[in-house]
Amino acid sequence: MAGEQTGKLIRTITVTSGKGGVGKTNVVANLAIAFRRLGKEVMIFDADLGLSNIDVLLNLAPKYNIQHVLRGEKSLKDVIVEGPYGIKILPASSGVQELTELDEFQRLRLLEEFDAYDGNIDVLLVDTGAGISSNVAFFCVASQEIIVVTSPEPTALTDAYALIKVLFTRYQEKDFRILVNSAKNETEAFEVFKKLSVAAERFLNISLDYLGFIPIDSSIQKAVRLQKAFSEIYPSSNASLNLLEIATKLNRDSTHKVKGTLQFFLGNLLKGATALD
């Protein structure tokens, strides 16, 4: 069983959002770079299994992806590509099945591959699809921490609350860290958080944790057009500095969070998927 394997303890953080278009994947890529700057070895698991986004954002052209692992054609080591600052990326691919659709062979294959992987990782960042599918829920539940990315748009706020509600009512998740993207300033960001927090406390009786915000910054769009991470080419921009502050805060809070291995994470993930078969 994956949970019984020995291995290096790693921190697993799922980054998710209630709707698309809030910059979640961009947050993941740049958060990974911020963690590298703090001396951490980082892997990004592109868990939006049907839409490969991280590699497009960073202008990478992976030869293989998770589909090749599922088919038994390649090992995890063959599939992982290196991004900026030495971050490791496990790419998704178009048309990959949801976890609930994986057969027994594919599940065992994934477990074996994660078990055999001996690369050095301190932090695993999981970039989920947007929305409230069971696939998104499994990744959230299997991780040690959940970061919900939202923005000041009313629809983003409504959908972030819907995601939190589903994860709480169906999966008993209670700990959520909120990151507000594309805010004019800290005042606006905290107002967004406050609205979400008040609703969660009133209707779900749970407290949310404010992680921080990323301001509207011209460097972000410039970097996206160049298919680069903004933290890589504009390290002194307000967006980069804020994200480094967020990574530092997460790093400071890490002591009690690191409680599983890569194999343990995947074991939890596939256990959740099997439960819905």
Foldseek 3Di string as FASTA:
>chain_A
DLQPADDDFAAEEEEAFLDPDQCRLLLLVLLCVLVVVVVFAEEEEALQQADWDNCQLQVHDFPDALVCLLVVNDAQVNQWDAGPSRHIYHTHYHPDDALLPRDPSSLVSVLVRQSPDRDGGHYYYYYYYHRADLSSLLLCLLGLAYEYEAELDPVRLVSRLVNVVCSCPVVVDAEYEYEYEAAQDQVSVVVSVVVSQVCCCVPVVGGYHYLYYAHDWPLCVVSSVVSNRSCVVPVPTSRNVRSSVSSVVCVVVCPVRRDGGSSSSSVSSSVSSNVVD
